C-alpha atoms as a PDB file:
ATOM      1  CA  MET A   1       0.038 -11.814 -19.759  1.00  0.00           C
ATOM      2  CA  ASN A   2       1.823 -14.707 -18.033  1.00  0.00           C
ATOM      3  CA  ASN A   3       5.346 -13.310 -18.211  1.00  0.00           C
ATOM      4  CA  PRO A   4       5.021  -9.522 -18.556  1.00  0.00           C
ATOM      5  CA  HIS A   5       8.036  -7.457 -19.491  1.00  0.00           C
ATOM      6  CA  VAL A   6       9.108  -4.156 -17.964  1.00  0.00           C
ATOM      7  CA  VAL A   7      11.056  -1.289 -19.524  1.00  0.00           C
ATOM      8  CA  LEU A   8      14.695  -1.121 -18.404  1.00  0.00           C
ATOM      9  CA  ILE A   9      16.046   2.420 -18.219  1.00  0.00           C
ATOM     10  CA  THR A  10      19.067   4.528 -17.327  1.00  0.00           C
ATOM     11  CA  PRO A  11      18.885   6.883 -14.319  1.00  0.00           C
ATOM     12  CA  ASP A  12      17.958   9.596 -16.872  1.00  0.00           C
ATOM     13  CA  ASP A  13      14.962   7.513 -18.037  1.00  0.00           C
ATOM     14  CA  GLU A  14      16.483   6.528 -21.368  1.00  0.00           C
ATOM     15  CA  VAL A  15      15.270   3.138 -22.588  1.00  0.00           C
ATOM     16  CA  LEU A  16      17.838   0.329 -22.523  1.00  0.00           C
ATOM     17  CA  GLY A  17      15.511  -2.526 -23.432  1.00  0.00           C
ATOM     18  CA  THR A  18      13.076  -4.868 -21.742  1.00  0.00           C
ATOM     19  CA  ILE A  19      13.211  -7.812 -19.384  1.00  0.00           C
ATOM     20  CA  ASP A  20      10.650 -10.055 -17.758  1.00  0.00           C
ATOM     21  CA  LYS A  21       9.214  -8.535 -14.593  1.00  0.00           C
ATOM     22  CA  LEU A  22      10.423 -11.257 -12.231  1.00  0.00           C
ATOM     23  CA  SER A  23      14.039 -10.986 -13.426  1.00  0.00           C
ATOM     24  CA  ALA A  24      13.961  -7.198 -13.012  1.00  0.00           C
ATOM     25  CA  HIS A  25      12.906  -7.712  -9.394  1.00  0.00           C
ATOM     26  CA  GLN A  26      15.370 -10.552  -8.742  1.00  0.00           C
ATOM     27  CA  TYR A  27      18.373  -8.587 -10.029  1.00  0.00           C
ATOM     28  CA  ALA A  28      17.385  -5.051  -8.900  1.00  0.00           C
ATOM     29  CA  MET A  29      17.365  -3.692 -12.449  1.00  0.00           C
ATOM     30  CA  LEU A  30      16.186  -0.091 -12.834  1.00  0.00           C
ATOM     31  CA  HIS A  31      12.835   0.022 -14.614  1.00  0.00           C
ATOM     32  CA  ARG A  32       9.762   2.216 -15.075  1.00  0.00           C
ATOM     33  CA  ALA A  33       6.754   2.001 -12.799  1.00  0.00           C
ATOM     34  CA  PHE A  34       3.791   4.142 -11.835  1.00  0.00           C
ATOM     35  CA  SER A  35       1.654   4.888  -8.800  1.00  0.00           C
ATOM     36  CA  VAL A  36      -1.887   6.229  -9.221  1.00  0.00           C
ATOM     37  CA  PHE A  37      -3.802   8.276  -6.664  1.00  0.00           C
ATOM     38  CA  ILE A  38      -7.563   8.621  -7.083  1.00  0.00           C
ATOM     39  CA  TYR A  39      -9.215  11.354  -5.059  1.00  0.00           C
ATOM     40  CA  ARG A  40     -12.523  13.118  -4.568  1.00  0.00           C
ATOM     41  CA  ARG A  41     -13.787  16.143  -2.705  1.00  0.00           C
ATOM     42  CA  ARG A  42     -16.295  15.625   0.108  1.00  0.00           C
ATOM     43  CA  GLN A  43     -17.589  18.819   1.723  1.00  0.00           C
ATOM     44  CA  ASP A  44     -14.434  20.755   2.581  1.00  0.00           C
ATOM     45  CA  GLN A  45     -11.992  17.810   2.520  1.00  0.00           C
ATOM     46  CA  PHE A  46     -10.324  15.581  -0.004  1.00  0.00           C
ATOM     47  CA  GLU A  47     -10.548  11.815   0.248  1.00  0.00           C
ATOM     48  CA  ILE A  48      -7.996   9.468  -1.272  1.00  0.00           C
ATOM     49  CA  LEU A  49      -8.762   5.923  -2.404  1.00  0.00           C
ATOM     50  CA  LEU A  50      -6.305   3.386  -0.985  1.00  0.00           C
ATOM     51  CA  GLN A  51      -5.946  -0.309  -1.684  1.00  0.00           C
ATOM     52  CA  GLN A  52      -4.699  -3.054   0.578  1.00  0.00           C
ATOM     53  CA  ARG A  53      -2.560  -5.285  -1.611  1.00  0.00           C
ATOM     54  CA  GLN A  54      -3.671  -8.876  -1.920  1.00  0.00           C
ATOM     55  CA  GLN A  55      -1.774 -11.087   0.516  1.00  0.00           C
ATOM     56  CA  SER A  56      -0.659 -13.345  -2.357  1.00  0.00           C
ATOM     57  CA  LYS A  57       1.254 -10.574  -4.201  1.00  0.00           C
ATOM     58  CA  TYR A  58       4.929 -11.385  -4.826  1.00  0.00           C
ATOM     59  CA  HIS A  59       5.916  -8.642  -2.364  1.00  0.00           C
ATOM     60  CA  SER A  60       4.234  -6.208   0.032  1.00  0.00           C
ATOM     61  CA  GLY A  61       1.163  -8.445   0.370  1.00  0.00           C
ATOM     62  CA  GLY A  62      -1.355  -7.116   2.894  1.00  0.00           C
ATOM     63  CA  LEU A  63       0.158  -3.626   2.983  1.00  0.00           C
ATOM     64  CA  TRP A  64      -1.772  -0.456   2.191  1.00  0.00           C
ATOM     65  CA  THR A  65      -0.794   1.696  -0.757  1.00  0.00           C
ATOM     66  CA  ASN A  66      -2.078   4.169  -3.310  1.00  0.00           C
ATOM     67  CA  THR A  67      -5.020   3.298  -5.549  1.00  0.00           C
ATOM     68  CA  CYS A  68      -3.053   1.412  -8.202  1.00  0.00           C
ATOM     69  CA  CYS A  69       0.606   0.558  -8.885  1.00  0.00           C
ATOM     70  CA  SER A  70       2.164  -1.259 -11.801  1.00  0.00           C
ATOM     71  CA  HIS A  71       4.562  -1.082 -14.752  1.00  0.00           C
ATOM     72  CA  PRO A  72       4.022   0.079 -18.340  1.00  0.00           C
ATOM     73  CA  THR A  73       4.536  -2.514 -21.030  1.00  0.00           C
ATOM     74  CA  PRO A  74       7.247  -1.771 -23.604  1.00  0.00           C
ATOM     75  CA  ASP A  75       4.746  -0.464 -26.160  1.00  0.00           C
ATOM     76  CA  GLU A  76       2.675   1.954 -24.062  1.00  0.00           C
ATOM     77  CA  SER A  77       3.037   5.347 -22.456  1.00  0.00           C
ATOM     78  CA  ILE A  78       2.979   5.828 -18.691  1.00  0.00           C
ATOM     79  CA  VAL A  79      -0.452   7.491 -18.794  1.00  0.00           C
ATOM     80  CA  SER A  80      -1.975   4.830 -21.081  1.00  0.00           C
ATOM     81  CA  ALA A  81      -0.563   2.046 -18.916  1.00  0.00           C
ATOM     82  CA  ALA A  82      -1.794   3.688 -15.723  1.00  0.00           C
ATOM     83  CA  GLU A  83      -5.304   4.198 -17.112  1.00  0.00           C
ATOM     84  CA  ARG A  84      -5.383   0.585 -18.328  1.00  0.00           C
ATOM     85  CA  ARG A  85      -4.199  -0.860 -14.983  1.00  0.00           C
ATOM     86  CA  LEU A  86      -6.503   1.410 -12.987  1.00  0.00           C
ATOM     87  CA  TYR A  87      -9.434  -0.104 -14.857  1.00  0.00           C
ATOM     88  CA  GLU A  88      -8.077  -3.675 -14.542  1.00  0.00           C
ATOM     89  CA  GLU A  89      -7.373  -3.359 -10.798  1.00  0.00           C
ATOM     90  CA  MET A  90     -10.113  -1.013  -9.585  1.00  0.00           C
ATOM     91  CA  GLY A  91     -12.743  -0.948 -12.325  1.00  0.00           C
ATOM     92  CA  ILE A  92     -12.273   2.832 -12.586  1.00  0.00           C
ATOM     93  CA  LYS A  93     -12.128   4.779 -15.844  1.00  0.00           C
ATOM     94  CA  THR A  94     -10.916   8.353 -15.518  1.00  0.00           C
ATOM     95  CA  THR A  95      -8.405  10.723 -17.056  1.00  0.00           C
ATOM     96  CA  LEU A  96      -5.066  10.730 -15.256  1.00  0.00           C
ATOM     97  CA  HIS A  97      -2.554  13.562 -14.929  1.00  0.00           C
ATOM     98  CA  THR A  98       1.161  13.158 -14.271  1.00  0.00           C
ATOM     99  CA  VAL A  99       2.175  14.675 -10.931  1.00  0.00           C
ATOM    100  CA  GLY A 100       5.899  13.871 -10.879  1.00  0.00           C
ATOM    101  CA  LYS A 101       8.363  11.015 -10.544  1.00  0.00           C
ATOM    102  CA  PHE A 102      10.896   9.668  -8.065  1.00  0.00           C
ATOM    103  CA  HIS A 103      13.459   6.892  -7.826  1.00  0.00           C
ATOM    104  CA  TYR A 104      13.467   4.383  -5.002  1.00  0.00           C
ATOM    105  CA  VAL A 105      15.102   1.096  -4.072  1.00  0.00           C
ATOM    106  CA  ALA A 106      13.616  -1.464  -1.680  1.00  0.00           C
ATOM    107  CA  VAL A 107      14.784  -4.902  -0.547  1.00  0.00           C
ATOM    108  CA  PHE A 108      12.204  -7.499   0.484  1.00  0.00           C
ATOM    109  CA  ASN A 109      12.469 -10.463   2.856  1.00  0.00           C
ATOM    110  CA  ASN A 110      11.853 -12.882  -0.024  1.00  0.00           C
ATOM    111  CA  GLY A 111      15.042 -11.793  -1.827  1.00  0.00           C
ATOM    112  CA  LEU A 112      13.322  -9.561  -4.380  1.00  0.00           C
ATOM    113  CA  PHE A 113      14.136  -5.903  -4.996  1.00  0.00           C
ATOM    114  CA  GLU A 114      12.449  -2.789  -6.274  1.00  0.00           C
ATOM    115  CA  ASN A 115      14.610  -0.385  -8.249  1.00  0.00           C
ATOM    116  CA  GLU A 116      12.099   1.837  -9.954  1.00  0.00           C
ATOM    117  CA  LEU A 117      11.644   5.220 -11.493  1.00  0.00           C
ATOM    118  CA  ASP A 118       8.087   5.657 -10.276  1.00  0.00           C
ATOM    119  CA  TYR A 119       5.761   8.096 -12.044  1.00  0.00           C
ATOM    120  CA  VAL A 120       2.980   9.468  -9.837  1.00  0.00           C
ATOM    121  CA  LEU A 121      -0.369  10.127 -11.506  1.00  0.00           C
ATOM    122  CA  ALA A 122      -3.673  11.450 -10.200  1.00  0.00           C
ATOM    123  CA  GLY A 123      -7.319  11.470 -11.207  1.00  0.00           C
ATOM    124  CA  THR A 124     -10.784  11.857  -9.766  1.00  0.00           C
ATOM    125  CA  TYR A 125     -13.626   9.421  -9.124  1.00  0.00           C
ATOM    126  CA  GLU A 126     -16.779  10.174  -7.155  1.00  0.00           C
ATOM    127  CA  SER A 127     -18.523   6.852  -6.528  1.00  0.00           C
ATOM    128  CA  ASP A 128     -18.540   4.893  -3.288  1.00  0.00           C
ATOM    129  CA  ILE A 129     -18.761   1.707  -5.367  1.00  0.00           C
ATOM    130  CA  ILE A 130     -15.304   0.397  -6.276  1.00  0.00           C
ATOM    131  CA  PRO A 131     -15.538  -2.853  -8.292  1.00  0.00           C
ATOM    132  CA  PHE A 132     -11.941  -3.792  -7.486  1.00  0.00           C
ATOM    133  CA  ASN A 133     -10.200  -6.937  -8.723  1.00  0.00           C
ATOM    134  CA  GLN A 134      -9.813  -9.235  -5.716  1.00  0.00           C
ATOM    135  CA  ASP A 135      -6.770 -10.907  -7.293  1.00  0.00           C
ATOM    136  CA  GLU A 136      -4.984  -7.549  -6.951  1.00  0.00           C
ATOM    137  CA  ALA A 137      -6.400  -6.044  -3.745  1.00  0.00           C
ATOM    138  CA  GLN A 138      -8.032  -7.505  -0.661  1.00  0.00           C
ATOM    139  CA  ALA A 139      -9.668  -4.233   0.418  1.00  0.00           C
ATOM    140  CA  VAL A 140     -10.126  -0.602  -0.585  1.00  0.00           C
ATOM    141  CA  GLN A 141     -11.067   2.457   1.413  1.00  0.00           C
ATOM    142  CA  TRP A 142     -11.624   6.178   1.032  1.00  0.00           C
ATOM    143  CA  ILE A 143      -9.714   8.192   3.654  1.00  0.00           C
ATOM    144  CA  THR A 144      -9.326  11.910   4.262  1.00  0.00           C
ATOM    145  CA  LEU A 145      -5.906  13.390   3.706  1.00  0.00           C
ATOM    146  CA  THR A 146      -5.792  14.455   7.371  1.00  0.00           C
ATOM    147  CA  ASP A 147      -6.533  10.927   8.595  1.00  0.00           C
ATOM    148  CA  LEU A 148      -4.089   9.411   6.105  1.00  0.00           C
ATOM    149  CA  LYS A 149      -1.242  11.665   7.246  1.00  0.00           C
ATOM    150  CA  GLN A 150      -1.897  10.646  10.853  1.00  0.00           C
ATOM    151  CA  TRP A 151      -2.079   6.926   9.988  1.00  0.00           C
ATOM    152  CA  VAL A 152       1.191   7.054   8.023  1.00  0.00           C
ATOM    153  CA  HIS A 153       2.834   8.894  10.921  1.00  0.00           C
ATOM    154  CA  ASP A 154       1.535   6.448  13.555  1.00  0.00           C
ATOM    155  CA  GLU A 155       1.927   3.168  11.639  1.00  0.00           C
ATOM    156  CA  PRO A 156       4.347   3.527   8.696  1.00  0.00           C
ATOM    157  CA  GLU A 157       4.891  -0.240   8.633  1.00  0.00           C
ATOM    158  CA  GLN A 158       1.300  -0.652   7.364  1.00  0.00           C
ATOM    159  CA  PHE A 159       2.277   0.884   3.996  1.00  0.00           C
ATOM    160  CA  THR A 160       4.309  -0.196   0.971  1.00  0.00           C
ATOM    161  CA  PRO A 161       7.927   1.007   0.699  1.00  0.00           C
ATOM    162  CA  TRP A 162       7.145   3.464  -2.120  1.00  0.00           C
ATOM    163  CA  PHE A 163       3.956   4.902  -0.665  1.00  0.00           C
ATOM    164  CA  GLN A 164       5.390   7.704   1.469  1.00  0.00           C
ATOM    165  CA  GLN A 165       7.573   9.041  -1.357  1.00  0.00           C
ATOM    166  CA  ALA A 166       4.642   8.937  -3.776  1.00  0.00           C
ATOM    167  CA  LEU A 167       2.404  10.613  -1.206  1.00  0.00           C
ATOM    168  CA  ARG A 168       4.945  13.423  -0.704  1.00  0.00           C
ATOM    169  CA  LEU A 169       4.680  14.206  -4.432  1.00  0.00           C
ATOM    170  CA  PHE A 170       0.911  13.848  -4.491  1.00  0.00           C
ATOM    171  CA  ILE A 171       0.044  16.060  -1.476  1.00  0.00           C
ATOM    172  CA  PRO A 172       1.149  19.391  -3.040  1.00  0.00           C
ATOM    173  CA  TYR A 173      -0.754  18.468  -6.205  1.00  0.00           C
ATOM    174  CA  LEU A 174      -3.870  17.733  -4.166  1.00  0.00           C
ATOM    175  CA  GLU A 175      -3.528  20.842  -2.013  1.00  0.00           C
ATOM    176  CA  SER A 176      -3.238  22.982  -5.159  1.00  0.00           C
ATOM    177  CA  ARG A 177      -6.757  21.774  -6.011  1.00  0.00           C
ATOM    178  CA  VAL A 178      -8.279  23.416  -2.890  1.00  0.00           C
ATOM    179  CA  THR A 179      -9.138  26.591  -4.792  1.00  0.00           C
ATOM    180  CA  ASP A 180      -9.738  24.802  -8.080  1.00  0.00           C
ATOM    181  CA  LYS A 181     -13.460  24.466  -8.745  1.00  0.00           C
ATOM    182  CA  THR A 182     -12.984  21.682 -11.320  1.00  0.00           C
ATOM    183  CA  VAL A 183     -11.073  19.327  -8.942  1.00  0.00           C
ATOM    184  CA  SER A 184      -9.344  17.589 -11.877  1.00  0.00           C
END
């Protein structure tokens, strides 16, 4: 899709219409987005898969973030869009579960804005092999939750503007899995 459209919404998540993605980011128009966290259990700890955004991205290039972030198209649900983009960006197919949502606004040095209602989703994946799309990400890594919390505390500038809010929603979800034998 050369000129993808995003779903414009009210603060209550009611659909207003659609607009091309670039215009939504130029004019700070509120639209839907999603952030996916992929995790796995290793021994007694959880690991989270992060991506380092490709330097050439229109904003936040080179910063670390959750496994996958994007926008649903006008004709798809959040979960369907997230599963589709997770496969396109990371080569991962898994079932995703909605964790929550939050609103954030960010202003970038290049004059673009984020004004998104961001749905946070989570799923599991066990492999060390991540066939990620190098047009989207320049690196990926598995990291323990303990190490990630420390990294975010020590170097918050290494992460995208939405990451810490998404992580705050994701952590309780992940920690609720500690006693869950299924991990999903």
